[in-house]
Amino acid sequence: MSRADVIKRYSNGGPLLVYATCELPDDKVDHPIGPGEWTIRQVIAHLVDSDLNGAERMKRVIAEENPTLMAYDESAWATRLDYANAPIADAVEMFATNRRWMTRILHTLSDQDFARRGTHSETGVVTLASLLAKYITHLDHHLLYLYGKRSNLGTALPPRYTAQ
C-alpha cells in the first residue's frame, strides 16, 4: 500500500465514524451490552480522546527529535473525563475535524518523515508510519465494536446512508 493510500485510509476515518453514529436513538447510546463494557457514548468519547492523543504524538514525531510520547490510562480518562455524559455529536465532529487537520499535515511530508521516531513511555521506539497505522487500526477495531453494539441493541445502520 502506498503512502498516499495509507493517508487516504486515515482521512476516511472521519466520514466512517459519522456513518457509524448516524441515526443513533438517544435511548440506546447509554446501554452497555454486558457487565463492565462501555456504552456507545463512552466508546465514541474514547475514540475522540485517543485520536487527539494520536495526533499529538504524530505531531511531536514530525516536529521534534526523538520526543518522549507519554502513555495514558484510558480507563481513568473514561471515568475522570466523564465519558458517560459526553455529547456524541460534538465528539464525532471533533474526531472528523482532527482527522482532516492531520491529513493536511501528513500530505506535506516526505517518505523520510514517515521514518522519524519517537519513544513511547511504555512500548519504546515508534515511527510516524507505525503511529499512523496504529490509529487507522484503532478506529477499525472500534468501528466493528460499534457496529456490533448497534446490531445487538436493534439500531442497525440505515441502508444507503451517505456521509456528508
C-alpha atoms as a PDB file:
ATOM      1  CA  MET A   1       0.000   0.000   0.000  1.00  0.00           C
ATOM      2  CA  SER A   2       1.407   3.383  -0.963  1.00  0.00           C
ATOM      3  CA  ARG A   3       1.873   6.270   1.446  1.00  0.00           C
ATOM      4  CA  ALA A   4      -0.991   8.094  -0.325  1.00  0.00           C
ATOM      5  CA  ASP A   5      -3.251   5.057   0.182  1.00  0.00           C
ATOM      6  CA  VAL A   6      -2.427   4.915   3.893  1.00  0.00           C
ATOM      7  CA  ILE A   7      -3.123   8.631   4.310  1.00  0.00           C
ATOM      8  CA  LYS A   8      -6.425   8.156   2.457  1.00  0.00           C
ATOM      9  CA  ARG A   9      -7.396   5.335   4.854  1.00  0.00           C
ATOM     10  CA  TYR A  10      -6.621   7.620   7.767  1.00  0.00           C
ATOM     11  CA  SER A  11      -8.574  10.529   6.275  1.00  0.00           C
ATOM     12  CA  ASN A  12     -11.591   8.292   5.635  1.00  0.00           C
ATOM     13  CA  GLY A  13     -11.868   7.744   9.382  1.00  0.00           C
ATOM     14  CA  GLY A  14     -13.925  10.892   9.945  1.00  0.00           C
ATOM     15  CA  PRO A  15     -16.668  10.019   7.451  1.00  0.00           C
ATOM     16  CA  LEU A  16     -16.633   6.418   8.666  1.00  0.00           C
ATOM     17  CA  LEU A  17     -17.313   7.487  12.251  1.00  0.00           C
ATOM     18  CA  VAL A  18     -20.028   9.874  11.053  1.00  0.00           C
ATOM     19  CA  TYR A  19     -21.675   6.931   9.289  1.00  0.00           C
ATOM     20  CA  ALA A  20     -21.219   4.559  12.232  1.00  0.00           C
ATOM     21  CA  THR A  21     -23.007   7.009  14.527  1.00  0.00           C
ATOM     22  CA  CYS A  22     -25.765   8.233  12.229  1.00  0.00           C
ATOM     23  CA  GLU A  23     -29.354   7.970  13.432  1.00  0.00           C
ATOM     24  CA  LEU A  24     -28.413   6.655  16.849  1.00  0.00           C
ATOM     25  CA  PRO A  25     -31.505   6.695  19.048  1.00  0.00           C
ATOM     26  CA  ASP A  26     -30.897   8.592  22.295  1.00  0.00           C
ATOM     27  CA  ASP A  27     -32.439   5.793  24.337  1.00  0.00           C
ATOM     28  CA  LYS A  28     -29.838   3.257  23.122  1.00  0.00           C
ATOM     29  CA  VAL A  29     -26.482   5.042  23.408  1.00  0.00           C
ATOM     30  CA  ASP A  30     -26.140   4.555  27.153  1.00  0.00           C
ATOM     31  CA  HIS A  31     -26.862   0.817  27.396  1.00  0.00           C
ATOM     32  CA  PRO A  32     -23.806  -1.371  27.908  1.00  0.00           C
ATOM     33  CA  ILE A  33     -24.051  -4.679  26.073  1.00  0.00           C
ATOM     34  CA  GLY A  34     -22.639  -6.584  29.016  1.00  0.00           C
ATOM     35  CA  PRO A  35     -21.277  -6.083  32.522  1.00  0.00           C
ATOM     36  CA  GLY A  36     -18.186  -3.897  32.568  1.00  0.00           C
ATOM     37  CA  GLU A  37     -18.478  -2.936  28.898  1.00  0.00           C
ATOM     38  CA  TRP A  38     -18.595   0.610  27.643  1.00  0.00           C
ATOM     39  CA  THR A  39     -21.687   2.159  26.136  1.00  0.00           C
ATOM     40  CA  ILE A  40     -21.775   3.558  22.607  1.00  0.00           C
ATOM     41  CA  ARG A  41     -21.407   7.056  24.086  1.00  0.00           C
ATOM     42  CA  GLN A  42     -18.298   6.020  26.037  1.00  0.00           C
ATOM     43  CA  VAL A  43     -16.728   4.325  23.009  1.00  0.00           C
ATOM     44  CA  ILE A  44     -17.194   7.459  20.912  1.00  0.00           C
ATOM     45  CA  ALA A  45     -15.716   9.670  23.654  1.00  0.00           C
ATOM     46  CA  HIS A  46     -12.780   7.259  23.908  1.00  0.00           C
ATOM     47  CA  LEU A  47     -12.252   7.402  20.145  1.00  0.00           C
ATOM     48  CA  VAL A  48     -12.017  11.184  20.059  1.00  0.00           C
ATOM     49  CA  ASP A  49      -9.624  11.393  23.014  1.00  0.00           C
ATOM     50  CA  SER A  50      -7.481   8.585  21.638  1.00  0.00           C
ATOM     51  CA  ASP A  51      -7.353  10.223  18.226  1.00  0.00           C
ATOM     52  CA  LEU A  52      -6.439  13.592  19.709  1.00  0.00           C
ATOM     53  CA  ASN A  53      -3.633  11.893  21.656  1.00  0.00           C
ATOM     54  CA  GLY A  54      -2.549  10.118  18.481  1.00  0.00           C
ATOM     55  CA  ALA A  55      -2.448  13.371  16.535  1.00  0.00           C
ATOM     56  CA  GLU A  56      -0.396  15.000  19.282  1.00  0.00           C
ATOM     57  CA  ARG A  57       2.050  12.085  19.237  1.00  0.00           C
ATOM     58  CA  MET A  58       2.360  12.190  15.449  1.00  0.00           C
ATOM     59  CA  LYS A  59       2.946  15.947  15.509  1.00  0.00           C
ATOM     60  CA  ARG A  60       5.679  15.541  18.135  1.00  0.00           C
ATOM     61  CA  VAL A  61       7.417  12.914  15.992  1.00  0.00           C
ATOM     62  CA  ILE A  62       7.148  15.198  12.952  1.00  0.00           C
ATOM     63  CA  ALA A  63       8.361  18.349  14.712  1.00  0.00           C
ATOM     64  CA  GLU A  64      10.784  17.171  17.407  1.00  0.00           C
ATOM     65  CA  GLU A  65      13.874  14.969  17.527  1.00  0.00           C
ATOM     66  CA  ASN A  66      13.044  11.639  19.207  1.00  0.00           C
ATOM     67  CA  PRO A  67      10.351  13.008  21.524  1.00  0.00           C
ATOM     68  CA  THR A  68       9.023  11.093  24.510  1.00  0.00           C
ATOM     69  CA  LEU A  69       5.403  10.073  23.912  1.00  0.00           C
ATOM     70  CA  MET A  70       3.531   9.567  27.148  1.00  0.00           C
ATOM     71  CA  ALA A  71       1.096   6.732  27.724  1.00  0.00           C
ATOM     72  CA  TYR A  72      -2.216   7.381  29.437  1.00  0.00           C
ATOM     73  CA  ASP A  73      -4.722   5.302  31.391  1.00  0.00           C
ATOM     74  CA  GLU A  74      -7.796   5.082  29.157  1.00  0.00           C
ATOM     75  CA  SER A  75      -9.984   3.732  31.981  1.00  0.00           C
ATOM     76  CA  ALA A  76      -9.067   6.668  34.213  1.00  0.00           C
ATOM     77  CA  TRP A  77      -9.778   9.049  31.351  1.00  0.00           C
ATOM     78  CA  ALA A  78     -13.191   7.447  30.792  1.00  0.00           C
ATOM     79  CA  THR A  79     -14.089   7.920  34.444  1.00  0.00           C
ATOM     80  CA  ARG A  80     -12.441  11.240  35.270  1.00  0.00           C
ATOM     81  CA  LEU A  81     -13.359  12.914  31.967  1.00  0.00           C
ATOM     82  CA  ASP A  82     -16.994  11.799  32.256  1.00  0.00           C
ATOM     83  CA  TYR A  83     -17.298   9.795  29.047  1.00  0.00           C
ATOM     84  CA  ALA A  84     -20.715   8.630  30.302  1.00  0.00           C
ATOM     85  CA  ASN A  85     -22.108  12.111  29.601  1.00  0.00           C
ATOM     86  CA  ALA A  86     -20.051  13.132  26.571  1.00  0.00           C
ATOM     87  CA  PRO A  87     -22.046  14.774  23.765  1.00  0.00           C
ATOM     88  CA  ILE A  88     -21.875  12.346  20.845  1.00  0.00           C
ATOM     89  CA  ALA A  89     -22.350  14.901  18.071  1.00  0.00           C
ATOM     90  CA  ASP A  90     -19.526  17.081  19.417  1.00  0.00           C
ATOM     91  CA  ALA A  91     -17.221  14.084  19.810  1.00  0.00           C
ATOM     92  CA  VAL A  92     -17.870  12.883  16.246  1.00  0.00           C
ATOM     93  CA  GLU A  93     -17.371  16.394  14.861  1.00  0.00           C
ATOM     94  CA  MET A  94     -14.101  16.783  16.795  1.00  0.00           C
ATOM     95  CA  PHE A  95     -12.871  13.398  15.560  1.00  0.00           C
ATOM     96  CA  ALA A  96     -13.682  14.215  11.922  1.00  0.00           C
ATOM     97  CA  THR A  97     -12.109  17.678  12.182  1.00  0.00           C
ATOM     98  CA  ASN A  98      -8.961  16.274  13.794  1.00  0.00           C
ATOM     99  CA  ARG A  99      -8.615  13.703  11.005  1.00  0.00           C
ATOM    100  CA  ARG A 100      -8.965  16.420   8.341  1.00  0.00           C
ATOM    101  CA  TRP A 101      -6.359  18.579  10.117  1.00  0.00           C
ATOM    102  CA  MET A 102      -3.858  15.748  10.434  1.00  0.00           C
ATOM    103  CA  THR A 103      -4.473  14.616   6.850  1.00  0.00           C
ATOM    104  CA  ARG A 104      -3.457  18.084   5.663  1.00  0.00           C
ATOM    105  CA  ILE A 105      -0.211  17.784   7.633  1.00  0.00           C
ATOM    106  CA  LEU A 106       0.503  14.211   6.516  1.00  0.00           C
ATOM    107  CA  HIS A 107       0.186  15.200   2.851  1.00  0.00           C
ATOM    108  CA  THR A 108       3.058  17.689   3.276  1.00  0.00           C
ATOM    109  CA  LEU A 109       5.558  15.048   4.440  1.00  0.00           C
ATOM    110  CA  SER A 110       8.232  13.054   2.646  1.00  0.00           C
ATOM    111  CA  ASP A 111       8.949   9.335   2.886  1.00  0.00           C
ATOM    112  CA  GLN A 112      11.849  10.196   5.209  1.00  0.00           C
ATOM    113  CA  ASP A 113       9.452  11.985   7.542  1.00  0.00           C
ATOM    114  CA  PHE A 114       7.419   8.798   7.950  1.00  0.00           C
ATOM    115  CA  ALA A 115      10.573   7.101   9.256  1.00  0.00           C
ATOM    116  CA  ARG A 116      11.019   9.726  12.015  1.00  0.00           C
ATOM    117  CA  ARG A 117      10.981   8.264  15.519  1.00  0.00           C
ATOM    118  CA  GLY A 118       9.756   8.928  18.995  1.00  0.00           C
ATOM    119  CA  THR A 119       9.966   6.886  22.181  1.00  0.00           C
ATOM    120  CA  HIS A 120       6.691   5.798  23.758  1.00  0.00           C
ATOM    121  CA  SER A 121       6.853   5.623  27.548  1.00  0.00           C
ATOM    122  CA  GLU A 122       5.526   2.031  27.585  1.00  0.00           C
ATOM    123  CA  THR A 123       6.175   0.472  24.179  1.00  0.00           C
ATOM    124  CA  GLY A 124       9.505   2.027  23.216  1.00  0.00           C
ATOM    125  CA  VAL A 125      10.610   3.313  19.818  1.00  0.00           C
ATOM    126  CA  VAL A 126       7.868   4.067  17.286  1.00  0.00           C
ATOM    127  CA  THR A 127       7.920   5.686  13.855  1.00  0.00           C
ATOM    128  CA  LEU A 128       5.453   8.116  12.365  1.00  0.00           C
ATOM    129  CA  ALA A 129       4.408   5.360   9.945  1.00  0.00           C
ATOM    130  CA  SER A 130       3.713   2.947  12.805  1.00  0.00           C
ATOM    131  CA  LEU A 131       1.729   5.558  14.721  1.00  0.00           C
ATOM    132  CA  LEU A 132      -0.361   6.291  11.654  1.00  0.00           C
ATOM    133  CA  ALA A 133      -1.060   2.575  11.187  1.00  0.00           C
ATOM    134  CA  LYS A 134      -1.961   2.244  14.872  1.00  0.00           C
ATOM    135  CA  TYR A 135      -4.631   4.946  14.710  1.00  0.00           C
ATOM    136  CA  ILE A 136      -6.090   3.544  11.496  1.00  0.00           C
ATOM    137  CA  THR A 137      -6.458   0.084  13.042  1.00  0.00           C
ATOM    138  CA  HIS A 138      -7.653   1.526  16.369  1.00  0.00           C
ATOM    139  CA  LEU A 139     -10.622   3.103  14.609  1.00  0.00           C
ATOM    140  CA  ASP A 140     -11.245  -0.080  12.596  1.00  0.00           C
ATOM    141  CA  HIS A 141     -11.337  -2.092  15.840  1.00  0.00           C
ATOM    142  CA  HIS A 142     -13.840   0.240  17.471  1.00  0.00           C
ATOM    143  CA  LEU A 143     -15.999   0.555  14.355  1.00  0.00           C
ATOM    144  CA  LEU A 144     -16.515  -3.204  14.446  1.00  0.00           C
ATOM    145  CA  TYR A 145     -17.369  -2.840  18.122  1.00  0.00           C
ATOM    146  CA  LEU A 146     -19.849  -0.030  17.371  1.00  0.00           C
ATOM    147  CA  TYR A 147     -21.497  -1.961  14.540  1.00  0.00           C
ATOM    148  CA  GLY A 148     -21.868  -4.968  16.828  1.00  0.00           C
ATOM    149  CA  LYS A 149     -23.302  -2.847  19.646  1.00  0.00           C
ATOM    150  CA  ARG A 150     -25.760  -1.231  17.253  1.00  0.00           C
ATOM    151  CA  SER A 151     -26.844  -4.607  15.960  1.00  0.00           C
ATOM    152  CA  ASN A 152     -27.269  -6.049  19.467  1.00  0.00           C
ATOM    153  CA  LEU A 153     -29.326  -3.025  20.501  1.00  0.00           C
ATOM    154  CA  GLY A 154     -31.509  -3.148  17.391  1.00  0.00           C
ATOM    155  CA  THR A 155     -30.116   0.106  15.964  1.00  0.00           C
ATOM    156  CA  ALA A 156     -28.660  -1.173  12.699  1.00  0.00           C
ATOM    157  CA  LEU A 157     -27.231   1.347  10.284  1.00  0.00           C
ATOM    158  CA  PRO A 158     -29.636   2.695   7.700  1.00  0.00           C
ATOM    159  CA  PRO A 159     -29.126   1.386   4.172  1.00  0.00           C
ATOM    160  CA  ARG A 160     -27.708   3.728   1.558  1.00  0.00           C
ATOM    161  CA  TYR A 161     -26.640   6.363   4.059  1.00  0.00           C
ATOM    162  CA  THR A 162     -24.233   8.880   2.572  1.00  0.00           C
ATOM    163  CA  ALA A 163     -21.836  10.677   4.904  1.00  0.00           C
ATOM    164  CA  GLN A 164     -21.676  14.429   4.318  1.00  0.00           C
END
